[in-house]
Amino acid sequence: ALPAPVSAGGQLALQAPHIDHGGRLWAPLGAIAFDADASLTLRAGSLASVSGAGLHVLEGNPNDSALPAKRITLEAGAGGVAIEDGATLDLRGGGETFTAQFV
């Protein structure tokens, strides 16, 4: 399995008339938004993860107060949202973020 990217607080937005997700999307400690005008399908074996589990990430500016809330949004029009058995939406917590500042 591929490792999650070493990043934190990213936001990934996918927008299309029809979304058919069968791959792997990661936004550790961030947000993923699926926005389909007509239909959204999450296939068996697919992964959408905002979990930071097991990650140790050097992140951002020490003056920033907080990372964005972990969130996965699923929106679709008249065709609706279909989630097949075996599709994974991973909202687990975990992970460590660190900042550094040179004076």
PDB file of N, CA and C in Angstrom:
ATOM      1  N   ALA A   1       0.838  -1.194   0.000  1.00  0.00           N
ATOM      2  CA  ALA A   1       0.000   0.000   0.000  1.00  0.00           C
ATOM      3  C   ALA A   1       0.873   1.243   0.000  1.00  0.00           C
ATOM      4  N   LEU A   2       0.407   2.258  -0.656  1.00  0.00           N
ATOM      5  CA  LEU A   2       1.129   3.516  -0.701  1.00  0.00           C
ATOM      6  C   LEU A   2       1.002   4.242   0.634  1.00  0.00           C
ATOM      7  N   PRO A   3       2.078   4.914   1.070  1.00  0.00           N
ATOM      8  CA  PRO A   3       1.977   5.682   2.320  1.00  0.00           C
ATOM      9  C   PRO A   3       1.215   6.982   2.087  1.00  0.00           C
ATOM     10  N   ALA A   4       0.624   7.502   3.161  1.00  0.00           N
ATOM     11  CA  ALA A   4      -0.042   8.797   3.080  1.00  0.00           C
ATOM     12  C   ALA A   4       1.009   9.873   2.872  1.00  0.00           C
ATOM     13  N   PRO A   5       0.661  10.963   2.198  1.00  0.00           N
ATOM     14  CA  PRO A   5       1.622  12.047   1.993  1.00  0.00           C
ATOM     15  C   PRO A   5       1.983  12.702   3.324  1.00  0.00           C
ATOM     16  N   VAL A   6       3.197  13.215   3.406  1.00  0.00           N
ATOM     17  CA  VAL A   6       3.642  13.892   4.614  1.00  0.00           C
ATOM     18  C   VAL A   6       3.295  15.373   4.473  1.00  0.00           C
ATOM     19  N   SER A   7       2.072  15.687   4.815  1.00  0.00           N
ATOM     20  CA  SER A   7       1.570  17.050   4.780  1.00  0.00           C
ATOM     21  C   SER A   7       0.489  17.146   5.841  1.00  0.00           C
ATOM     22  N   ALA A   8       0.032  18.349   6.113  1.00  0.00           N
ATOM     23  CA  ALA A   8      -1.047  18.501   7.086  1.00  0.00           C
ATOM     24  C   ALA A   8      -1.863  19.729   6.747  1.00  0.00           C
ATOM     25  N   GLY A   9      -3.159  19.616   6.941  1.00  0.00           N
ATOM     26  CA  GLY A   9      -4.044  20.755   6.784  1.00  0.00           C
ATOM     27  C   GLY A   9      -4.411  21.116   5.364  1.00  0.00           C
ATOM     28  N   GLY A  10      -4.122  20.241   4.404  1.00  0.00           N
ATOM     29  CA  GLY A  10      -4.456  20.532   3.019  1.00  0.00           C
ATOM     30  C   GLY A  10      -5.941  20.399   2.737  1.00  0.00           C
ATOM     31  N   GLN A  11      -6.368  20.997   1.652  1.00  0.00           N
ATOM     32  CA  GLN A  11      -7.759  20.902   1.239  1.00  0.00           C
ATOM     33  C   GLN A  11      -7.804  20.484  -0.220  1.00  0.00           C
ATOM     34  N   LEU A  12      -8.588  19.464  -0.505  1.00  0.00           N
ATOM     35  CA  LEU A  12      -8.721  18.921  -1.849  1.00  0.00           C
ATOM     36  C   LEU A  12     -10.196  18.963  -2.228  1.00  0.00           C
ATOM     37  N   ALA A  13     -10.505  19.620  -3.346  1.00  0.00           N
ATOM     38  CA  ALA A  13     -11.891  19.730  -3.806  1.00  0.00           C
ATOM     39  C   ALA A  13     -11.996  19.154  -5.211  1.00  0.00           C
ATOM     40  N   LEU A  14     -12.938  18.230  -5.398  1.00  0.00           N
ATOM     41  CA  LEU A  14     -13.198  17.650  -6.701  1.00  0.00           C
ATOM     42  C   LEU A  14     -14.601  18.048  -7.122  1.00  0.00           C
ATOM     43  N   GLN A  15     -14.717  18.630  -8.320  1.00  0.00           N
ATOM     44  CA  GLN A  15     -16.021  19.046  -8.814  1.00  0.00           C
ATOM     45  C   GLN A  15     -16.151  18.617 -10.270  1.00  0.00           C
ATOM     46  N   ALA A  16     -17.269  17.952 -10.585  1.00  0.00           N
ATOM     47  CA  ALA A  16     -17.527  17.471 -11.946  1.00  0.00           C
ATOM     48  C   ALA A  16     -19.006  17.103 -12.051  1.00  0.00           C
ATOM     49  N   PRO A  17     -19.518  16.957 -13.279  1.00  0.00           N
ATOM     50  CA  PRO A  17     -20.903  16.504 -13.422  1.00  0.00           C
ATOM     51  C   PRO A  17     -21.119  15.126 -12.775  1.00  0.00           C
ATOM     52  N   HIS A  18     -20.206  14.188 -13.052  1.00  0.00           N
ATOM     53  CA  HIS A  18     -20.269  12.838 -12.493  1.00  0.00           C
ATOM     54  C   HIS A  18     -18.897  12.527 -11.905  1.00  0.00           C
ATOM     55  N   ILE A  19     -18.862  12.049 -10.673  1.00  0.00           N
ATOM     56  CA  ILE A  19     -17.613  11.633 -10.050  1.00  0.00           C
ATOM     57  C   ILE A  19     -17.713  10.147  -9.767  1.00  0.00           C
ATOM     58  N   ASP A  20     -16.727   9.388 -10.259  1.00  0.00           N
ATOM     59  CA  ASP A  20     -16.645   7.941 -10.062  1.00  0.00           C
ATOM     60  C   ASP A  20     -15.270   7.669  -9.460  1.00  0.00           C
ATOM     61  N   HIS A  21     -15.207   7.616  -8.131  1.00  0.00           N
ATOM     62  CA  HIS A  21     -13.928   7.515  -7.423  1.00  0.00           C
ATOM     63  C   HIS A  21     -13.601   6.058  -7.107  1.00  0.00           C
ATOM     64  N   GLY A  22     -12.474   5.604  -7.630  1.00  0.00           N
ATOM     65  CA  GLY A  22     -12.026   4.247  -7.361  1.00  0.00           C
ATOM     66  C   GLY A  22     -10.583   4.202  -6.911  1.00  0.00           C
ATOM     67  N   GLY A  23     -10.001   5.347  -6.587  1.00  0.00           N
ATOM     68  CA  GLY A  23      -8.584   5.418  -6.230  1.00  0.00           C
ATOM     69  C   GLY A  23      -8.365   5.767  -4.771  1.00  0.00           C
ATOM     70  N   ARG A  24      -7.267   6.495  -4.525  1.00  0.00           N
ATOM     71  CA  ARG A  24      -6.892   6.884  -3.172  1.00  0.00           C
ATOM     72  C   ARG A  24      -6.645   8.382  -3.124  1.00  0.00           C
ATOM     73  N   LEU A  25      -7.319   9.041  -2.192  1.00  0.00           N
ATOM     74  CA  LEU A  25      -7.137  10.473  -1.973  1.00  0.00           C
ATOM     75  C   LEU A  25      -6.801  10.695  -0.506  1.00  0.00           C
ATOM     76  N   TRP A  26      -5.751  11.488  -0.266  1.00  0.00           N
ATOM     77  CA  TRP A  26      -5.348  11.808   1.100  1.00  0.00           C
ATOM     78  C   TRP A  26      -5.246  13.313   1.266  1.00  0.00           C
ATOM     79  N   ALA A  27      -5.738  13.810   2.381  1.00  0.00           N
ATOM     80  CA  ALA A  27      -5.516  15.187   2.827  1.00  0.00           C
ATOM     81  C   ALA A  27      -5.372  15.100   4.349  1.00  0.00           C
ATOM     82  N   PRO A  28      -4.212  14.606   4.829  1.00  0.00           N
ATOM     83  CA  PRO A  28      -4.054  14.381   6.269  1.00  0.00           C
ATOM     84  C   PRO A  28      -4.352  15.629   7.096  1.00  0.00           C
ATOM     85  N   LEU A  29      -5.188  15.463   8.108  1.00  0.00           N
ATOM     86  CA  LEU A  29      -5.582  16.531   9.018  1.00  0.00           C
ATOM     87  C   LEU A  29      -6.165  17.716   8.259  1.00  0.00           C
ATOM     88  N   GLY A  30      -6.823  17.439   7.136  1.00  0.00           N
ATOM     89  CA  GLY A  30      -7.382  18.493   6.287  1.00  0.00           C
ATOM     90  C   GLY A  30      -8.805  18.188   5.861  1.00  0.00           C
ATOM     91  N   ALA A  31      -9.111  18.491   4.599  1.00  0.00           N
ATOM     92  CA  ALA A  31     -10.480  18.344   4.108  1.00  0.00           C
ATOM     93  C   ALA A  31     -10.485  17.844   2.666  1.00  0.00           C
ATOM     94  N   ILE A  32     -11.465  16.986   2.360  1.00  0.00           N
ATOM     95  CA  ILE A  32     -11.729  16.517   0.996  1.00  0.00           C
ATOM     96  C   ILE A  32     -13.199  16.797   0.707  1.00  0.00           C
ATOM     97  N   ALA A  33     -13.466  17.418  -0.447  1.00  0.00           N
ATOM     98  CA  ALA A  33     -14.846  17.705  -0.843  1.00  0.00           C
ATOM     99  C   ALA A  33     -15.106  17.096  -2.214  1.00  0.00           C
ATOM    100  N   PHE A  34     -16.119  16.223  -2.299  1.00  0.00           N
ATOM    101  CA  PHE A  34     -16.613  15.683  -3.556  1.00  0.00           C
ATOM    102  C   PHE A  34     -17.883  16.469  -3.874  1.00  0.00           C
ATOM    103  N   ASP A  35     -17.931  17.142  -5.005  1.00  0.00           N
ATOM    104  CA  ASP A  35     -19.094  17.943  -5.377  1.00  0.00           C
ATOM    105  C   ASP A  35     -19.482  17.589  -6.811  1.00  0.00           C
ATOM    106  N   ALA A  36     -20.477  16.710  -6.942  1.00  0.00           N
ATOM    107  CA  ALA A  36     -20.920  16.242  -8.254  1.00  0.00           C
ATOM    108  C   ALA A  36     -22.254  16.898  -8.604  1.00  0.00           C
ATOM    109  N   ASP A  37     -22.317  17.465  -9.790  1.00  0.00           N
ATOM    110  CA  ASP A  37     -23.567  18.087 -10.234  1.00  0.00           C
ATOM    111  C   ASP A  37     -24.684  17.053 -10.380  1.00  0.00           C
ATOM    112  N   ALA A  38     -24.323  15.837 -10.807  1.00  0.00           N
ATOM    113  CA  ALA A  38     -25.340  14.800 -11.055  1.00  0.00           C
ATOM    114  C   ALA A  38     -25.188  13.612 -10.110  1.00  0.00           C
ATOM    115  N   SER A  39     -24.077  12.852 -10.209  1.00  0.00           N
ATOM    116  CA  SER A  39     -23.948  11.644  -9.406  1.00  0.00           C
ATOM    117  C   SER A  39     -22.530  11.469  -8.880  1.00  0.00           C
ATOM    118  N   LEU A  40     -22.437  10.833  -7.706  1.00  0.00           N
ATOM    119  CA  LEU A  40     -21.169  10.541  -7.055  1.00  0.00           C
ATOM    120  C   LEU A  40     -21.155   9.079  -6.662  1.00  0.00           C
ATOM    121  N   THR A  41     -20.120   8.347  -7.106  1.00  0.00           N
ATOM    122  CA  THR A  41     -19.971   6.937  -6.748  1.00  0.00           C
ATOM    123  C   THR A  41     -18.600   6.727  -6.128  1.00  0.00           C
ATOM    124  N   LEU A  42     -18.576   6.095  -4.946  1.00  0.00           N
ATOM    125  CA  LEU A  42     -17.331   5.691  -4.308  1.00  0.00           C
ATOM    126  C   LEU A  42     -17.240   4.176  -4.452  1.00  0.00           C
ATOM    127  N   ARG A  43     -16.267   3.717  -5.232  1.00  0.00           N
ATOM    128  CA  ARG A  43     -16.132   2.305  -5.575  1.00  0.00           C
ATOM    129  C   ARG A  43     -15.499   1.477  -4.456  1.00  0.00           C
ATOM    130  N   ALA A  44     -15.788   0.177  -4.472  1.00  0.00           N
ATOM    131  CA  ALA A  44     -15.157  -0.758  -3.545  1.00  0.00           C
ATOM    132  C   ALA A  44     -13.644  -0.641  -3.682  1.00  0.00           C
ATOM    133  N   GLY A  45     -12.939  -0.580  -2.561  1.00  0.00           N
ATOM    134  CA  GLY A  45     -11.488  -0.469  -2.574  1.00  0.00           C
ATOM    135  C   GLY A  45     -10.974   0.952  -2.621  1.00  0.00           C
ATOM    136  N   SER A  46     -11.868   1.927  -2.827  1.00  0.00           N
ATOM    137  CA  SER A  46     -11.422   3.324  -2.870  1.00  0.00           C
ATOM    138  C   SER A  46     -11.169   3.828  -1.454  1.00  0.00           C
ATOM    139  N   LEU A  47     -10.366   4.889  -1.361  1.00  0.00           N
ATOM    140  CA  LEU A  47     -10.042   5.493  -0.077  1.00  0.00           C
ATOM    141  C   LEU A  47     -10.097   7.008  -0.203  1.00  0.00           C
ATOM    142  N   ALA A  48     -10.759   7.647   0.734  1.00  0.00           N
ATOM    143  CA  ALA A  48     -10.700   9.098   0.918  1.00  0.00           C
ATOM    144  C   ALA A  48     -10.366   9.280   2.389  1.00  0.00           C
ATOM    145  N   SER A  49      -9.190   9.851   2.688  1.00  0.00           N
ATOM    146  CA  SER A  49      -8.715   9.900   4.066  1.00  0.00           C
ATOM    147  C   SER A  49      -8.250  11.291   4.460  1.00  0.00           C
ATOM    148  N   VAL A  50      -8.704  11.721   5.641  1.00  0.00           N
ATOM    149  CA  VAL A  50      -8.207  12.934   6.271  1.00  0.00           C
ATOM    150  C   VAL A  50      -7.536  12.597   7.606  1.00  0.00           C
ATOM    151  N   SER A  51      -7.276  11.318   7.816  1.00  0.00           N
ATOM    152  CA  SER A  51      -6.637  10.845   9.040  1.00  0.00           C
ATOM    153  C   SER A  51      -5.161  11.223   9.065  1.00  0.00           C
ATOM    154  N   GLY A  52      -4.660  11.471  10.259  1.00  0.00           N
ATOM    155  CA  GLY A  52      -3.234  11.715  10.438  1.00  0.00           C
ATOM    156  C   GLY A  52      -2.552  10.547  11.123  1.00  0.00           C
ATOM    157  N   ALA A  53      -3.271   9.439  11.282  1.00  0.00           N
ATOM    158  CA  ALA A  53      -2.762   8.289  12.037  1.00  0.00           C
ATOM    159  C   ALA A  53      -1.375   7.872  11.573  1.00  0.00           C
ATOM    160  N   GLY A  54      -0.426   7.840  12.518  1.00  0.00           N
ATOM    161  CA  GLY A  54       0.921   7.381  12.233  1.00  0.00           C
ATOM    162  C   GLY A  54       1.841   8.418  11.616  1.00  0.00           C
ATOM    163  N   LEU A  55       1.339   9.627  11.320  1.00  0.00           N
ATOM    164  CA  LEU A  55       2.172  10.641  10.677  1.00  0.00           C
ATOM    165  C   LEU A  55       2.831  11.562  11.709  1.00  0.00           C
ATOM    166  N   HIS A  56       4.045  11.987  11.408  1.00  0.00           N
ATOM    167  CA  HIS A  56       4.779  12.994  12.177  1.00  0.00           C
ATOM    168  C   HIS A  56       5.181  14.048  11.157  1.00  0.00           C
ATOM    169  N   VAL A  57       4.518  15.209  11.190  1.00  0.00           N
ATOM    170  CA  VAL A  57       4.637  16.194  10.122  1.00  0.00           C
ATOM    171  C   VAL A  57       5.112  17.541  10.660  1.00  0.00           C
ATOM    172  N   LEU A  58       6.157  18.096  10.023  1.00  0.00           N
ATOM    173  CA  LEU A  58       6.551  19.467  10.284  1.00  0.00           C
ATOM    174  C   LEU A  58       5.593  20.341   9.507  1.00  0.00           C
ATOM    175  N   GLU A  59       4.836  21.184  10.205  1.00  0.00           N
ATOM    176  CA  GLU A  59       3.737  21.892   9.554  1.00  0.00           C
ATOM    177  C   GLU A  59       3.754  23.364   9.893  1.00  0.00           C
ATOM    178  N   GLY A  60       3.755  24.174   8.894  1.00  0.00           N
ATOM    179  CA  GLY A  60       3.381  25.568   8.949  1.00  0.00           C
ATOM    180  C   GLY A  60       4.123  26.496   9.872  1.00  0.00           C
ATOM    181  N   ASN A  61       3.466  27.571  10.144  1.00  0.00           N
ATOM    182  CA  ASN A  61       3.959  28.694  10.912  1.00  0.00           C
ATOM    183  C   ASN A  61       3.591  28.501  12.385  1.00  0.00           C
ATOM    184  N   PRO A  62       4.551  28.659  13.307  1.00  0.00           N
ATOM    185  CA  PRO A  62       4.213  28.477  14.720  1.00  0.00           C
ATOM    186  C   PRO A  62       3.214  29.498  15.248  1.00  0.00           C
ATOM    187  N   ASN A  63       2.976  30.571  14.495  1.00  0.00           N
ATOM    188  CA  ASN A  63       2.001  31.576  14.920  1.00  0.00           C
ATOM    189  C   ASN A  63       0.580  31.217  14.516  1.00  0.00           C
ATOM    190  N   ASP A  64       0.417  30.219  13.635  1.00  0.00           N
ATOM    191  CA  ASP A  64      -0.926  29.751  13.279  1.00  0.00           C
ATOM    192  C   ASP A  64      -1.508  29.006  14.468  1.00  0.00           C
ATOM    193  N   SER A  65      -2.788  29.211  14.727  1.00  0.00           N
ATOM    194  CA  SER A  65      -3.369  28.633  15.936  1.00  0.00           C
ATOM    195  C   SER A  65      -3.837  27.197  15.770  1.00  0.00           C
ATOM    196  N   ALA A  66      -4.350  26.824  14.617  1.00  0.00           N
ATOM    197  CA  ALA A  66      -4.908  25.481  14.494  1.00  0.00           C
ATOM    198  C   ALA A  66      -5.018  25.054  13.037  1.00  0.00           C
ATOM    199  N   LEU A  67      -5.009  23.753  12.857  1.00  0.00           N
ATOM    200  CA  LEU A  67      -5.271  23.187  11.535  1.00  0.00           C
ATOM    201  C   LEU A  67      -6.770  23.220  11.277  1.00  0.00           C
ATOM    202  N   PRO A  68      -7.196  23.174   9.992  1.00  0.00           N
ATOM    203  CA  PRO A  68      -8.638  23.114   9.728  1.00  0.00           C
ATOM    204  C   PRO A  68      -9.224  21.802  10.254  1.00  0.00           C
ATOM    205  N   ALA A  69     -10.503  21.790  10.514  1.00  0.00           N
ATOM    206  CA  ALA A  69     -11.175  20.579  10.988  1.00  0.00           C
ATOM    207  C   ALA A  69     -11.078  19.486   9.936  1.00  0.00           C
ATOM    208  N   LYS A  70     -10.871  18.243  10.380  1.00  0.00           N
ATOM    209  CA  LYS A  70     -10.884  17.112   9.443  1.00  0.00           C
ATOM    210  C   LYS A  70     -12.312  16.951   8.941  1.00  0.00           C
ATOM    211  N   ARG A  71     -12.441  16.861   7.596  1.00  0.00           N
ATOM    212  CA  ARG A  71     -13.794  16.817   7.035  1.00  0.00           C
ATOM    213  C   ARG A  71     -13.769  16.157   5.662  1.00  0.00           C
ATOM    214  N   ILE A  72     -14.760  15.310   5.402  1.00  0.00           N
ATOM    215  CA  ILE A  72     -15.008  14.774   4.062  1.00  0.00           C
ATOM    216  C   ILE A  72     -16.459  15.116   3.734  1.00  0.00           C
ATOM    217  N   THR A  73     -16.653  15.834   2.624  1.00  0.00           N
ATOM    218  CA  THR A  73     -17.984  16.271   2.211  1.00  0.00           C
ATOM    219  C   THR A  73     -18.378  15.528   0.943  1.00  0.00           C
ATOM    220  N   LEU A  74     -19.585  14.962   0.933  1.00  0.00           N
ATOM    221  CA  LEU A  74     -20.123  14.259  -0.233  1.00  0.00           C
ATOM    222  C   LEU A  74     -21.395  14.968  -0.678  1.00  0.00           C
ATOM    223  N   GLU A  75     -21.369  15.549  -1.879  1.00  0.00           N
ATOM    224  CA  GLU A  75     -22.558  16.230  -2.407  1.00  0.00           C
ATOM    225  C   GLU A  75     -22.796  15.778  -3.835  1.00  0.00           C
ATOM    226  N   ALA A  76     -24.074  15.551  -4.164  1.00  0.00           N
ATOM    227  CA  ALA A  76     -24.438  15.158  -5.529  1.00  0.00           C
ATOM    228  C   ALA A  76     -25.846  15.639  -5.831  1.00  0.00           C
ATOM    229  N   GLY A  77     -26.105  15.793  -7.122  1.00  0.00           N
ATOM    230  CA  GLY A  77     -27.424  16.222  -7.581  1.00  0.00           C
ATOM    231  C   GLY A  77     -28.411  15.068  -7.610  1.00  0.00           C
ATOM    232  N   ALA A  78     -29.260  15.084  -8.624  1.00  0.00           N
ATOM    233  CA  ALA A  78     -30.375  14.132  -8.736  1.00  0.00           C
ATOM    234  C   ALA A  78     -29.924  12.672  -8.777  1.00  0.00           C
ATOM    235  N   GLY A  79     -28.709  12.393  -9.279  1.00  0.00           N
ATOM    236  CA  GLY A  79     -28.214  11.014  -9.347  1.00  0.00           C
ATOM    237  C   GLY A  79     -27.807  10.455  -8.002  1.00  0.00           C
ATOM    238  N   GLY A  80     -27.626  11.315  -7.016  1.00  0.00           N
ATOM    239  CA  GLY A  80     -27.350  10.894  -5.654  1.00  0.00           C
ATOM    240  C   GLY A  80     -25.930  10.400  -5.420  1.00  0.00           C
ATOM    241  N   VAL A  81     -25.717   9.943  -4.192  1.00  0.00           N
ATOM    242  CA  VAL A  81     -24.433   9.411  -3.746  1.00  0.00           C
ATOM    243  C   VAL A  81     -24.572   7.903  -3.564  1.00  0.00           C
ATOM    244  N   ALA A  82     -23.645   7.144  -4.174  1.00  0.00           N
ATOM    245  CA  ALA A  82     -23.620   5.686  -4.009  1.00  0.00           C
ATOM    246  C   ALA A  82     -22.266   5.302  -3.420  1.00  0.00           C
ATOM    247  N   ILE A  83     -22.294   4.592  -2.288  1.00  0.00           N
ATOM    248  CA  ILE A  83     -21.063   4.142  -1.648  1.00  0.00           C
ATOM    249  C   ILE A  83     -21.089   2.613  -1.647  1.00  0.00           C
ATOM    250  N   GLU A  84     -20.195   2.021  -2.440  1.00  0.00           N
ATOM    251  CA  GLU A  84     -20.149   0.562  -2.535  1.00  0.00           C
ATOM    252  C   GLU A  84     -19.520  -0.038  -1.282  1.00  0.00           C
ATOM    253  N   ASP A  85     -19.902  -1.294  -0.969  1.00  0.00           N
ATOM    254  CA  ASP A  85     -19.254  -2.026   0.115  1.00  0.00           C
ATOM    255  C   ASP A  85     -17.761  -2.078  -0.153  1.00  0.00           C
ATOM    256  N   GLY A  86     -16.957  -1.774   0.850  1.00  0.00           N
ATOM    257  CA  GLY A  86     -15.509  -1.820   0.685  1.00  0.00           C
ATOM    258  C   GLY A  86     -14.888  -0.469   0.374  1.00  0.00           C
ATOM    259  N   ALA A  87     -15.703   0.567   0.148  1.00  0.00           N
ATOM    260  CA  ALA A  87     -15.174   1.929  -0.001  1.00  0.00           C
ATOM    261  C   ALA A  87     -14.867   2.440   1.407  1.00  0.00           C
ATOM    262  N   THR A  88     -13.778   3.193   1.553  1.00  0.00           N
ATOM    263  CA  THR A  88     -13.378   3.666   2.876  1.00  0.00           C
ATOM    264  C   THR A  88     -13.347   5.185   2.930  1.00  0.00           C
ATOM    265  N   LEU A  89     -14.046   5.737   3.920  1.00  0.00           N
ATOM    266  CA  LEU A  89     -13.972   7.146   4.278  1.00  0.00           C
ATOM    267  C   LEU A  89     -13.288   7.175   5.643  1.00  0.00           C
ATOM    268  N   ASP A  90     -12.035   7.631   5.686  1.00  0.00           N
ATOM    269  CA  ASP A  90     -11.211   7.551   6.894  1.00  0.00           C
ATOM    270  C   ASP A  90     -11.117   8.923   7.557  1.00  0.00           C
ATOM    271  N   LEU A  91     -11.818   9.063   8.673  1.00  0.00           N
ATOM    272  CA  LEU A  91     -11.833  10.315   9.436  1.00  0.00           C
ATOM    273  C   LEU A  91     -11.156  10.164  10.793  1.00  0.00           C
ATOM    274  N   ARG A  92     -10.353   9.105  10.939  1.00  0.00           N
ATOM    275  CA  ARG A  92      -9.681   8.880  12.224  1.00  0.00           C
ATOM    276  C   ARG A  92      -8.777  10.063  12.568  1.00  0.00           C
ATOM    277  N   GLY A  93      -8.538  10.227  13.819  1.00  0.00           N
ATOM    278  CA  GLY A  93      -7.603  11.251  14.289  1.00  0.00           C
ATOM    279  C   GLY A  93      -6.179  10.729  14.214  1.00  0.00           C
ATOM    280  N   GLY A  94      -5.388  11.150  15.156  1.00  0.00           N
ATOM    281  CA  GLY A  94      -4.009  10.682  15.251  1.00  0.00           C
ATOM    282  C   GLY A  94      -3.044  11.593  14.543  1.00  0.00           C
ATOM    283  N   GLY A  95      -1.801  11.195  14.603  1.00  0.00           N
ATOM    284  CA  GLY A  95      -0.735  11.976  13.976  1.00  0.00           C
ATOM    285  C   GLY A  95      -0.193  13.035  14.909  1.00  0.00           C
ATOM    286  N   GLU A  96       0.972  13.511  14.579  1.00  0.00           N
ATOM    287  CA  GLU A  96       1.633  14.559  15.341  1.00  0.00           C
ATOM    288  C   GLU A  96       2.063  15.659  14.385  1.00  0.00           C
ATOM    289  N   THR A  97       1.796  16.897  14.724  1.00  0.00           N
ATOM    290  CA  THR A  97       2.307  18.006  13.928  1.00  0.00           C
ATOM    291  C   THR A  97       3.267  18.805  14.801  1.00  0.00           C
ATOM    292  N   PHE A  98       4.295  19.313  14.157  1.00  0.00           N
ATOM    293  CA  PHE A  98       5.328  20.086  14.827  1.00  0.00           C
ATOM    294  C   PHE A  98       5.563  21.359  14.041  1.00  0.00           C
ATOM    295  N   THR A  99       5.986  22.402  14.709  1.00  0.00           N
ATOM    296  CA  THR A  99       6.404  23.617  14.029  1.00  0.00           C
ATOM    297  C   THR A  99       7.800  23.974  14.512  1.00  0.00           C
ATOM    298  N   ALA A 100       8.477  24.780  13.761  1.00  0.00           N
ATOM    299  CA  ALA A 100       9.811  25.231  14.128  1.00  0.00           C
ATOM    300  C   ALA A 100       9.923  26.715  13.812  1.00  0.00           C
ATOM    301  N   GLN A 101      10.676  27.407  14.635  1.00  0.00           N
ATOM    302  CA  GLN A 101      10.902  28.821  14.395  1.00  0.00           C
ATOM    303  C   GLN A 101      12.347  29.141  14.734  1.00  0.00           C
ATOM    304  N   PHE A 102      13.000  29.863  13.839  1.00  0.00           N
ATOM    305  CA  PHE A 102      14.382  30.275  14.073  1.00  0.00           C
ATOM    306  C   PHE A 102      14.376  31.713  14.546  1.00  0.00           C
ATOM    307  N   VAL A 103      15.118  31.994  15.592  1.00  0.00           N
ATOM    308  CA  VAL A 103      15.201  33.355  16.091  1.00  0.00           C
ATOM    309  C   VAL A 103      16.627  33.863  16.010  1.00  0.00           C
TER     310      VAL A 103
END
